[in-house]
Amino acid sequence: MATKTGDPYRTAVFTGTFDPITLGHLDVIRRGRLLFERVIVGIGVNPNKASLFSVEVRLALTRRVVRGYPNVSVEAFEGLTVHYVRRIGARVILRGLRTLSDMEYEFGMTLTNHRLDPEIETVFLMADAEYTHVSSSLIKQVAHYGGTEALRRFVPEELIAPILAKLDGAGPAGPV
C-alpha cells in the first residue's frame, strides 16, 4: 500500500487495468508527474475480467517502464477507485481523455465518484493526438497481426517481447 502523503491534493492516482500499458498511458503519466508531487499508477484487479497478463506481470511491466520517474509509483488495488484513493490518503484522480465517447464515460464516473466522496477531485488530461485511437484491445490485435514493428508505434519497447510471447503462448507470461 502507498505511503500516505502530507498534502493529499499533491498526489494524483491514475487507475486502469493497463493490460498492457500503452504509450498513451505513459503520456498521461509523464505529463501528470510534472503537475503533481507524486503520481500513483493504480492497477485495478477485476476478477470478472479476462486479462492478457496477470496483475503481477502488469505490475512488473509498468514498474519497468516508469522506473525513470522518481515521483511515480505503481500498485495494485481491488474495489472502487474512489475507495482506493481515499484509503491511500490522496484526493485527486488523474484521467486521460482520448475521444468524446471517453468524455461521456468519464463524466458519468466522475459524477458517481463525487457522490461517493465529494472531497475527491478528478483531473483530466487530453490525450496527445498521436494516441487518441490507442487502446489495450487494439494493442492485442496489432500484436497478433502486425508483430514487432507495428507494436513499436503503440507500446514501450520493453513490452514488445512479453506481449508477443504471451500471444504465442510461450515465455514467463504463460499462455493466453
N, C-alpha and C. Protein backbone atom coordinates (compact mmCIF):
# COMPACT_ATOMS: atom_id res chain seq x y z
N MET A 1 0.84 -1.18 0.00
CA MET A 1 0.00 0.00 0.00
C MET A 1 0.89 1.24 0.00
N ALA A 2 0.42 2.30 -0.63
CA ALA A 2 1.18 3.54 -0.74
C ALA A 2 1.32 4.21 0.61
N THR A 3 2.43 4.88 0.77
CA THR A 3 2.64 5.68 1.96
C THR A 3 1.81 6.94 1.82
N LYS A 4 1.11 7.28 2.86
CA LYS A 4 0.28 8.49 2.80
C LYS A 4 1.17 9.72 2.71
N THR A 5 0.69 10.72 1.98
CA THR A 5 1.46 11.93 1.77
C THR A 5 0.95 13.06 2.63
N GLY A 6 1.75 14.13 2.78
CA GLY A 6 1.37 15.26 3.60
C GLY A 6 0.17 16.00 3.04
N ASP A 7 0.24 16.41 1.78
CA ASP A 7 -0.86 17.15 1.16
C ASP A 7 -1.54 16.22 0.15
N PRO A 8 -2.74 15.75 0.48
CA PRO A 8 -3.41 14.78 -0.39
C PRO A 8 -3.76 15.33 -1.77
N TYR A 9 -3.78 16.65 -1.93
CA TYR A 9 -4.09 17.24 -3.22
C TYR A 9 -2.86 17.37 -4.11
N ARG A 10 -1.71 16.98 -3.62
CA ARG A 10 -0.48 17.00 -4.43
C ARG A 10 -0.12 15.60 -4.93
N THR A 11 -0.98 14.62 -4.61
CA THR A 11 -0.81 13.25 -5.09
C THR A 11 -1.98 12.92 -6.00
N ALA A 12 -1.67 12.47 -7.22
CA ALA A 12 -2.71 12.06 -8.16
C ALA A 12 -2.63 10.55 -8.35
N VAL A 13 -3.79 9.94 -8.49
CA VAL A 13 -3.87 8.49 -8.70
C VAL A 13 -4.44 8.24 -10.09
N PHE A 14 -3.67 7.56 -10.91
CA PHE A 14 -4.05 7.23 -12.28
C PHE A 14 -4.35 5.74 -12.32
N THR A 15 -5.63 5.39 -12.47
CA THR A 15 -6.02 3.98 -12.39
C THR A 15 -6.44 3.43 -13.74
N GLY A 16 -6.32 2.12 -13.85
CA GLY A 16 -6.74 1.41 -15.04
C GLY A 16 -6.32 -0.04 -14.91
N THR A 17 -6.62 -0.82 -15.95
CA THR A 17 -6.17 -2.22 -15.94
C THR A 17 -4.76 -2.32 -16.51
N PHE A 18 -4.40 -1.41 -17.40
CA PHE A 18 -3.06 -1.36 -18.00
C PHE A 18 -2.64 -2.75 -18.49
N ASP A 19 -3.47 -3.30 -19.37
CA ASP A 19 -3.27 -4.67 -19.85
C ASP A 19 -3.19 -4.73 -21.36
N PRO A 20 -2.10 -4.27 -21.94
CA PRO A 20 -0.87 -3.75 -21.34
C PRO A 20 -0.89 -2.22 -21.28
N ILE A 21 0.11 -1.67 -20.62
CA ILE A 21 0.28 -0.22 -20.60
C ILE A 21 0.72 0.23 -21.99
N THR A 22 0.18 1.35 -22.44
CA THR A 22 0.46 1.84 -23.80
C THR A 22 1.26 3.14 -23.74
N LEU A 23 1.70 3.59 -24.91
CA LEU A 23 2.38 4.89 -24.99
C LEU A 23 1.42 6.02 -24.61
N GLY A 24 0.13 5.83 -24.86
CA GLY A 24 -0.86 6.83 -24.44
C GLY A 24 -0.94 6.93 -22.93
N HIS A 25 -0.95 5.78 -22.24
CA HIS A 25 -0.92 5.78 -20.77
C HIS A 25 0.34 6.49 -20.27
N LEU A 26 1.47 6.14 -20.87
CA LEU A 26 2.73 6.75 -20.44
C LEU A 26 2.75 8.25 -20.68
N ASP A 27 2.09 8.71 -21.72
CA ASP A 27 1.99 10.14 -21.97
C ASP A 27 1.26 10.84 -20.83
N VAL A 28 0.15 10.25 -20.37
CA VAL A 28 -0.60 10.82 -19.24
C VAL A 28 0.25 10.79 -17.97
N ILE A 29 0.95 9.70 -17.72
CA ILE A 29 1.81 9.58 -16.54
C ILE A 29 2.93 10.62 -16.59
N ARG A 30 3.58 10.73 -17.75
CA ARG A 30 4.69 11.68 -17.91
C ARG A 30 4.22 13.11 -17.64
N ARG A 31 3.10 13.48 -18.20
CA ARG A 31 2.58 14.83 -18.02
C ARG A 31 2.04 15.04 -16.61
N GLY A 32 1.38 14.03 -16.06
CA GLY A 32 0.84 14.14 -14.70
C GLY A 32 1.93 14.29 -13.66
N ARG A 33 3.05 13.63 -13.87
CA ARG A 33 4.15 13.71 -12.89
C ARG A 33 4.76 15.11 -12.83
N LEU A 34 4.55 15.90 -13.87
CA LEU A 34 5.02 17.28 -13.87
C LEU A 34 4.05 18.21 -13.15
N LEU A 35 2.80 17.79 -13.04
CA LEU A 35 1.77 18.62 -12.40
C LEU A 35 1.61 18.32 -10.90
N PHE A 36 1.97 17.10 -10.50
CA PHE A 36 1.76 16.67 -9.12
C PHE A 36 3.09 16.23 -8.51
N GLU A 37 3.18 16.38 -7.18
CA GLU A 37 4.39 15.92 -6.49
C GLU A 37 4.58 14.42 -6.65
N ARG A 38 3.45 13.72 -6.68
CA ARG A 38 3.51 12.27 -6.75
C ARG A 38 2.35 11.75 -7.60
N VAL A 39 2.65 10.73 -8.42
CA VAL A 39 1.62 10.05 -9.19
C VAL A 39 1.69 8.57 -8.83
N ILE A 40 0.55 8.03 -8.45
CA ILE A 40 0.46 6.60 -8.17
C ILE A 40 -0.34 5.97 -9.29
N VAL A 41 0.28 5.02 -9.97
CA VAL A 41 -0.41 4.27 -11.01
C VAL A 41 -1.06 3.08 -10.30
N GLY A 42 -2.39 3.08 -10.26
CA GLY A 42 -3.13 2.04 -9.58
C GLY A 42 -3.66 1.03 -10.59
N ILE A 43 -3.12 -0.17 -10.55
CA ILE A 43 -3.54 -1.22 -11.47
C ILE A 43 -4.71 -1.96 -10.84
N GLY A 44 -5.86 -1.80 -11.46
CA GLY A 44 -7.08 -2.40 -10.94
C GLY A 44 -7.14 -3.90 -11.17
N VAL A 45 -7.57 -4.60 -10.13
CA VAL A 45 -7.76 -6.04 -10.20
C VAL A 45 -9.25 -6.30 -10.32
N ASN A 46 -9.66 -6.86 -11.43
CA ASN A 46 -11.06 -7.19 -11.65
C ASN A 46 -11.15 -8.68 -11.95
N PRO A 47 -11.56 -9.47 -10.96
CA PRO A 47 -11.60 -10.92 -11.15
C PRO A 47 -12.61 -11.37 -12.20
N ASN A 48 -13.53 -10.50 -12.59
CA ASN A 48 -14.53 -10.85 -13.59
C ASN A 48 -14.08 -10.53 -15.02
N LYS A 49 -12.88 -9.96 -15.17
CA LYS A 49 -12.41 -9.56 -16.48
C LYS A 49 -11.21 -10.43 -16.87
N ALA A 50 -11.26 -11.00 -18.06
CA ALA A 50 -10.13 -11.81 -18.55
C ALA A 50 -9.02 -10.86 -18.98
N SER A 51 -7.84 -11.05 -18.41
CA SER A 51 -6.71 -10.19 -18.71
C SER A 51 -5.67 -10.94 -19.52
N LEU A 52 -4.94 -10.22 -20.35
CA LEU A 52 -3.83 -10.81 -21.09
C LEU A 52 -2.75 -11.21 -20.11
N PHE A 53 -2.41 -10.30 -19.19
CA PHE A 53 -1.36 -10.53 -18.20
C PHE A 53 -1.94 -10.60 -16.80
N SER A 54 -1.32 -11.37 -15.95
CA SER A 54 -1.70 -11.40 -14.53
C SER A 54 -1.38 -10.04 -13.92
N VAL A 55 -1.97 -9.76 -12.78
CA VAL A 55 -1.70 -8.48 -12.12
C VAL A 55 -0.23 -8.37 -11.74
N GLU A 56 0.40 -9.48 -11.37
CA GLU A 56 1.83 -9.45 -11.00
C GLU A 56 2.69 -9.05 -12.20
N VAL A 57 2.36 -9.57 -13.37
CA VAL A 57 3.11 -9.22 -14.58
C VAL A 57 2.84 -7.77 -14.97
N ARG A 58 1.58 -7.33 -14.87
CA ARG A 58 1.27 -5.93 -15.17
C ARG A 58 2.00 -4.98 -14.24
N LEU A 59 2.09 -5.33 -12.97
CA LEU A 59 2.85 -4.52 -12.02
C LEU A 59 4.31 -4.43 -12.44
N ALA A 60 4.91 -5.57 -12.74
CA ALA A 60 6.33 -5.61 -13.10
C ALA A 60 6.60 -4.82 -14.39
N LEU A 61 5.76 -5.01 -15.40
CA LEU A 61 5.96 -4.31 -16.67
C LEU A 61 5.77 -2.80 -16.51
N THR A 62 4.76 -2.41 -15.76
CA THR A 62 4.51 -0.98 -15.56
C THR A 62 5.64 -0.35 -14.75
N ARG A 63 6.09 -1.03 -13.72
CA ARG A 63 7.22 -0.51 -12.94
C ARG A 63 8.46 -0.36 -13.80
N ARG A 64 8.66 -1.29 -14.71
CA ARG A 64 9.83 -1.23 -15.59
C ARG A 64 9.79 0.02 -16.47
N VAL A 65 8.62 0.36 -17.01
CA VAL A 65 8.57 1.49 -17.94
C VAL A 65 8.47 2.85 -17.26
N VAL A 66 8.17 2.90 -15.96
CA VAL A 66 8.13 4.20 -15.26
C VAL A 66 9.33 4.37 -14.32
N ARG A 67 10.26 3.44 -14.36
CA ARG A 67 11.38 3.48 -13.41
C ARG A 67 12.20 4.78 -13.50
N GLY A 68 12.15 5.47 -14.61
CA GLY A 68 12.89 6.72 -14.74
C GLY A 68 12.20 7.93 -14.12
N TYR A 69 11.02 7.73 -13.57
CA TYR A 69 10.26 8.82 -12.96
C TYR A 69 10.25 8.62 -11.45
N PRO A 70 11.10 9.34 -10.72
CA PRO A 70 11.21 9.11 -9.27
C PRO A 70 9.94 9.43 -8.48
N ASN A 71 9.05 10.24 -9.02
CA ASN A 71 7.83 10.58 -8.27
C ASN A 71 6.62 9.76 -8.72
N VAL A 72 6.87 8.64 -9.40
CA VAL A 72 5.79 7.76 -9.85
C VAL A 72 5.98 6.39 -9.22
N SER A 73 4.91 5.87 -8.62
CA SER A 73 4.93 4.52 -8.07
C SER A 73 3.78 3.73 -8.66
N VAL A 74 3.86 2.40 -8.54
CA VAL A 74 2.86 1.52 -9.15
C VAL A 74 2.39 0.52 -8.10
N GLU A 75 1.07 0.38 -7.99
CA GLU A 75 0.47 -0.54 -7.02
C GLU A 75 -0.75 -1.21 -7.63
N ALA A 76 -1.12 -2.34 -7.09
CA ALA A 76 -2.38 -3.00 -7.47
C ALA A 76 -3.42 -2.66 -6.41
N PHE A 77 -4.69 -2.67 -6.83
CA PHE A 77 -5.76 -2.46 -5.87
C PHE A 77 -7.01 -3.19 -6.35
N GLU A 78 -7.90 -3.47 -5.41
CA GLU A 78 -9.20 -4.06 -5.71
C GLU A 78 -10.28 -3.12 -5.20
N GLY A 79 -11.42 -3.18 -5.82
CA GLY A 79 -12.54 -2.37 -5.37
C GLY A 79 -12.68 -1.09 -6.15
N LEU A 80 -13.48 -0.20 -5.60
CA LEU A 80 -13.75 1.07 -6.26
C LEU A 80 -12.55 2.00 -6.20
N THR A 81 -12.30 2.69 -7.30
CA THR A 81 -11.19 3.65 -7.36
C THR A 81 -11.30 4.69 -6.25
N VAL A 82 -12.48 5.23 -6.05
CA VAL A 82 -12.66 6.30 -5.06
C VAL A 82 -12.31 5.80 -3.65
N HIS A 83 -12.62 4.54 -3.35
CA HIS A 83 -12.25 3.98 -2.04
C HIS A 83 -10.74 3.80 -1.93
N TYR A 84 -10.10 3.37 -3.01
CA TYR A 84 -8.64 3.21 -3.02
C TYR A 84 -7.95 4.57 -2.82
N VAL A 85 -8.42 5.57 -3.54
CA VAL A 85 -7.83 6.92 -3.44
C VAL A 85 -7.94 7.43 -2.00
N ARG A 86 -9.08 7.28 -1.39
CA ARG A 86 -9.30 7.70 -0.01
C ARG A 86 -8.39 6.92 0.95
N ARG A 87 -8.31 5.60 0.75
CA ARG A 87 -7.53 4.73 1.64
C ARG A 87 -6.04 5.11 1.66
N ILE A 88 -5.50 5.52 0.51
CA ILE A 88 -4.07 5.86 0.48
C ILE A 88 -3.81 7.32 0.83
N GLY A 89 -4.87 8.06 1.10
CA GLY A 89 -4.69 9.43 1.57
C GLY A 89 -4.55 10.46 0.47
N ALA A 90 -4.92 10.11 -0.76
CA ALA A 90 -4.88 11.07 -1.86
C ALA A 90 -6.28 11.67 -2.04
N ARG A 91 -6.37 12.72 -2.85
CA ARG A 91 -7.67 13.34 -3.11
C ARG A 91 -7.85 13.69 -4.58
N VAL A 92 -6.95 13.20 -5.45
CA VAL A 92 -7.05 13.52 -6.88
C VAL A 92 -6.96 12.25 -7.71
N ILE A 93 -7.94 12.10 -8.60
CA ILE A 93 -7.91 11.04 -9.60
C ILE A 93 -7.48 11.68 -10.92
N LEU A 94 -6.48 11.12 -11.53
CA LEU A 94 -5.97 11.60 -12.82
C LEU A 94 -6.53 10.70 -13.92
N ARG A 95 -7.09 11.29 -14.96
CA ARG A 95 -7.67 10.52 -16.06
C ARG A 95 -7.22 11.11 -17.39
N GLY A 96 -7.05 10.26 -18.37
CA GLY A 96 -6.74 10.69 -19.72
C GLY A 96 -8.00 10.60 -20.58
N LEU A 97 -8.17 11.55 -21.48
CA LEU A 97 -9.31 11.56 -22.39
C LEU A 97 -8.81 11.46 -23.82
N ARG A 98 -9.34 10.48 -24.57
CA ARG A 98 -8.95 10.31 -25.97
C ARG A 98 -10.00 10.86 -26.91
N THR A 99 -11.25 10.54 -26.64
CA THR A 99 -12.34 10.86 -27.58
C THR A 99 -13.55 11.39 -26.83
N LEU A 100 -14.55 11.81 -27.59
CA LEU A 100 -15.80 12.27 -26.98
C LEU A 100 -16.50 11.14 -26.23
N SER A 101 -16.39 9.92 -26.74
CA SER A 101 -17.01 8.79 -26.02
C SER A 101 -16.33 8.58 -24.68
N ASP A 102 -15.01 8.79 -24.61
CA ASP A 102 -14.31 8.74 -23.32
C ASP A 102 -14.90 9.79 -22.38
N MET A 103 -15.16 10.97 -22.92
CA MET A 103 -15.67 12.06 -22.09
C MET A 103 -17.03 11.69 -21.49
N GLU A 104 -17.89 11.07 -22.28
CA GLU A 104 -19.20 10.65 -21.75
C GLU A 104 -19.03 9.66 -20.62
N TYR A 105 -18.21 8.67 -20.82
CA TYR A 105 -17.97 7.64 -19.80
C TYR A 105 -17.35 8.27 -18.55
N GLU A 106 -16.31 9.08 -18.74
CA GLU A 106 -15.60 9.69 -17.61
C GLU A 106 -16.49 10.68 -16.86
N PHE A 107 -17.37 11.37 -17.57
CA PHE A 107 -18.30 12.29 -16.93
C PHE A 107 -19.18 11.53 -15.95
N GLY A 108 -19.73 10.40 -16.39
CA GLY A 108 -20.56 9.58 -15.51
C GLY A 108 -19.77 9.05 -14.31
N MET A 109 -18.55 8.59 -14.55
CA MET A 109 -17.72 8.08 -13.45
C MET A 109 -17.37 9.19 -12.46
N THR A 110 -17.08 10.37 -12.98
CA THR A 110 -16.73 11.49 -12.11
C THR A 110 -17.90 11.88 -11.22
N LEU A 111 -19.09 11.92 -11.80
CA LEU A 111 -20.28 12.24 -11.01
C LEU A 111 -20.52 11.18 -9.93
N THR A 112 -20.34 9.91 -10.30
CA THR A 112 -20.51 8.82 -9.33
C THR A 112 -19.48 8.94 -8.22
N ASN A 113 -18.23 9.13 -8.59
CA ASN A 113 -17.17 9.26 -7.58
C ASN A 113 -17.42 10.45 -6.66
N HIS A 114 -17.91 11.54 -7.23
CA HIS A 114 -18.19 12.73 -6.42
C HIS A 114 -19.32 12.46 -5.41
N ARG A 115 -20.31 11.67 -5.83
CA ARG A 115 -21.40 11.31 -4.91
C ARG A 115 -20.88 10.40 -3.80
N LEU A 116 -19.92 9.52 -4.13
CA LEU A 116 -19.35 8.61 -3.14
C LEU A 116 -18.39 9.33 -2.19
N ASP A 117 -17.68 10.33 -2.71
CA ASP A 117 -16.74 11.08 -1.88
C ASP A 117 -16.53 12.46 -2.49
N PRO A 118 -17.27 13.47 -2.02
CA PRO A 118 -17.18 14.81 -2.61
C PRO A 118 -15.83 15.51 -2.40
N GLU A 119 -14.96 14.95 -1.56
CA GLU A 119 -13.65 15.57 -1.34
C GLU A 119 -12.61 15.12 -2.37
N ILE A 120 -12.96 14.16 -3.20
CA ILE A 120 -12.02 13.68 -4.21
C ILE A 120 -12.34 14.34 -5.55
N GLU A 121 -11.32 14.96 -6.13
CA GLU A 121 -11.46 15.65 -7.41
C GLU A 121 -10.88 14.79 -8.53
N THR A 122 -11.40 14.99 -9.74
CA THR A 122 -10.88 14.32 -10.91
C THR A 122 -10.28 15.37 -11.84
N VAL A 123 -9.05 15.11 -12.29
CA VAL A 123 -8.36 16.00 -13.21
C VAL A 123 -8.17 15.24 -14.53
N PHE A 124 -8.54 15.88 -15.63
CA PHE A 124 -8.45 15.25 -16.95
C PHE A 124 -7.31 15.86 -17.75
N LEU A 125 -6.59 14.99 -18.44
CA LEU A 125 -5.59 15.43 -19.41
C LEU A 125 -6.02 14.91 -20.78
N MET A 126 -6.05 15.79 -21.75
CA MET A 126 -6.38 15.37 -23.11
C MET A 126 -5.22 14.57 -23.67
N ALA A 127 -5.54 13.48 -24.33
CA ALA A 127 -4.52 12.65 -24.94
C ALA A 127 -3.83 13.41 -26.06
N ASP A 128 -2.57 13.15 -26.22
CA ASP A 128 -1.84 13.66 -27.37
C ASP A 128 -2.53 13.07 -28.61
N ALA A 129 -2.67 13.84 -29.67
CA ALA A 129 -3.37 13.39 -30.88
C ALA A 129 -2.80 12.08 -31.41
N GLU A 130 -1.54 11.85 -31.20
CA GLU A 130 -0.88 10.63 -31.67
C GLU A 130 -1.45 9.37 -31.01
N TYR A 131 -2.06 9.52 -29.83
CA TYR A 131 -2.52 8.37 -29.07
C TYR A 131 -4.04 8.27 -28.91
N THR A 132 -4.80 9.11 -29.58
CA THR A 132 -6.24 9.14 -29.35
C THR A 132 -6.95 7.85 -29.76
N HIS A 133 -6.37 7.09 -30.64
CA HIS A 133 -7.01 5.86 -31.11
C HIS A 133 -6.47 4.60 -30.42
N VAL A 134 -5.48 4.75 -29.55
CA VAL A 134 -4.81 3.60 -28.96
C VAL A 134 -5.57 3.09 -27.73
N SER A 135 -5.81 1.79 -27.72
CA SER A 135 -6.42 1.13 -26.56
C SER A 135 -5.71 -0.20 -26.36
N SER A 136 -5.88 -0.77 -25.17
CA SER A 136 -5.24 -2.05 -24.90
C SER A 136 -5.78 -3.14 -25.81
N SER A 137 -7.07 -3.09 -26.16
CA SER A 137 -7.60 -4.12 -27.07
C SER A 137 -7.03 -3.96 -28.48
N LEU A 138 -6.80 -2.73 -28.90
CA LEU A 138 -6.15 -2.50 -30.19
C LEU A 138 -4.74 -3.09 -30.18
N ILE A 139 -4.04 -2.92 -29.08
CA ILE A 139 -2.67 -3.43 -28.96
C ILE A 139 -2.66 -4.94 -29.19
N LYS A 140 -3.62 -5.63 -28.61
CA LYS A 140 -3.68 -7.09 -28.76
C LYS A 140 -3.88 -7.49 -30.21
N GLN A 141 -4.72 -6.75 -30.95
CA GLN A 141 -4.93 -7.04 -32.36
C GLN A 141 -3.68 -6.74 -33.17
N VAL A 142 -3.04 -5.59 -32.91
CA VAL A 142 -1.84 -5.21 -33.63
C VAL A 142 -0.74 -6.24 -33.38
N ALA A 143 -0.60 -6.69 -32.15
CA ALA A 143 0.42 -7.69 -31.82
C ALA A 143 0.16 -8.99 -32.57
N HIS A 144 -1.09 -9.39 -32.60
CA HIS A 144 -1.45 -10.66 -33.24
C HIS A 144 -1.19 -10.63 -34.74
N TYR A 145 -1.53 -9.52 -35.39
CA TYR A 145 -1.44 -9.46 -36.84
C TYR A 145 -0.26 -8.65 -37.37
N GLY A 146 0.27 -7.75 -36.58
CA GLY A 146 1.30 -6.84 -37.09
C GLY A 146 2.70 -7.09 -36.60
N GLY A 147 2.86 -7.72 -35.45
CA GLY A 147 4.18 -8.05 -34.93
C GLY A 147 4.94 -6.87 -34.36
N THR A 148 6.25 -7.09 -34.26
CA THR A 148 7.15 -6.17 -33.56
C THR A 148 7.12 -4.74 -34.09
N GLU A 149 7.29 -4.58 -35.38
CA GLU A 149 7.37 -3.22 -35.95
C GLU A 149 6.08 -2.43 -35.71
N ALA A 150 4.96 -3.07 -35.87
CA ALA A 150 3.69 -2.39 -35.65
C ALA A 150 3.52 -2.02 -34.18
N LEU A 151 3.91 -2.92 -33.28
CA LEU A 151 3.77 -2.65 -31.84
C LEU A 151 4.59 -1.46 -31.38
N ARG A 152 5.73 -1.23 -32.01
CA ARG A 152 6.61 -0.11 -31.61
C ARG A 152 5.90 1.24 -31.64
N ARG A 153 4.86 1.34 -32.43
CA ARG A 153 4.13 2.60 -32.54
C ARG A 153 3.18 2.85 -31.37
N PHE A 154 2.93 1.78 -30.57
CA PHE A 154 1.87 1.87 -29.57
C PHE A 154 2.27 1.54 -28.14
N VAL A 155 3.35 0.77 -27.96
CA VAL A 155 3.75 0.36 -26.61
C VAL A 155 5.24 0.61 -26.41
N PRO A 156 5.66 0.75 -25.14
CA PRO A 156 7.09 0.90 -24.87
C PRO A 156 7.86 -0.33 -25.37
N GLU A 157 9.06 -0.10 -25.81
CA GLU A 157 9.92 -1.17 -26.35
C GLU A 157 10.02 -2.36 -25.40
N GLU A 158 10.09 -2.09 -24.09
CA GLU A 158 10.26 -3.16 -23.10
C GLU A 158 9.07 -4.12 -23.05
N LEU A 159 7.94 -3.72 -23.61
CA LEU A 159 6.74 -4.57 -23.56
C LEU A 159 6.54 -5.44 -24.80
N ILE A 160 7.27 -5.16 -25.86
CA ILE A 160 7.05 -5.88 -27.12
C ILE A 160 7.29 -7.38 -26.96
N ALA A 161 8.42 -7.77 -26.43
CA ALA A 161 8.72 -9.20 -26.28
C ALA A 161 7.72 -9.91 -25.36
N PRO A 162 7.40 -9.35 -24.19
CA PRO A 162 6.41 -10.03 -23.34
C PRO A 162 5.03 -10.16 -23.98
N ILE A 163 4.61 -9.14 -24.72
CA ILE A 163 3.30 -9.21 -25.37
C ILE A 163 3.31 -10.31 -26.44
N LEU A 164 4.33 -10.31 -27.30
CA LEU A 164 4.40 -11.32 -28.35
C LEU A 164 4.53 -12.71 -27.76
N ALA A 165 5.31 -12.86 -26.70
CA ALA A 165 5.47 -14.17 -26.06
C ALA A 165 4.14 -14.64 -25.48
N LYS A 166 3.41 -13.73 -24.87
CA LYS A 166 2.13 -14.09 -24.27
C LYS A 166 1.13 -14.53 -25.35
N LEU A 167 1.10 -13.81 -26.44
CA LEU A 167 0.17 -14.15 -27.51
C LEU A 167 0.57 -15.43 -28.24
N ASP A 168 1.86 -15.76 -28.19
CA ASP A 168 2.33 -17.02 -28.78
C ASP A 168 2.16 -18.18 -27.81
N GLY A 169 1.79 -17.87 -26.55
CA GLY A 169 1.61 -18.92 -25.55
C GLY A 169 2.91 -19.42 -24.95
N ALA A 170 3.98 -18.60 -25.10
CA ALA A 170 5.29 -19.00 -24.57
C ALA A 170 5.79 -17.95 -23.59
N GLY A 171 6.88 -18.24 -22.95
CA GLY A 171 7.56 -17.27 -22.10
C GLY A 171 6.98 -17.20 -20.71
N PRO A 172 7.58 -16.35 -19.85
CA PRO A 172 7.19 -16.27 -18.46
C PRO A 172 5.77 -15.76 -18.23
N ALA A 173 5.21 -15.10 -19.24
CA ALA A 173 3.86 -14.59 -19.08
C ALA A 173 2.83 -15.71 -19.18
N GLY A 174 3.19 -16.84 -19.79
CA GLY A 174 2.32 -18.01 -19.87
C GLY A 174 1.32 -17.92 -21.02
N PRO A 175 0.48 -18.91 -21.16
CA PRO A 175 -0.48 -18.92 -22.28
C PRO A 175 -1.62 -17.94 -22.07
N VAL A 176 -2.24 -17.57 -23.15
CA VAL A 176 -3.38 -16.65 -23.11
C VAL A 176 -4.55 -17.30 -22.43
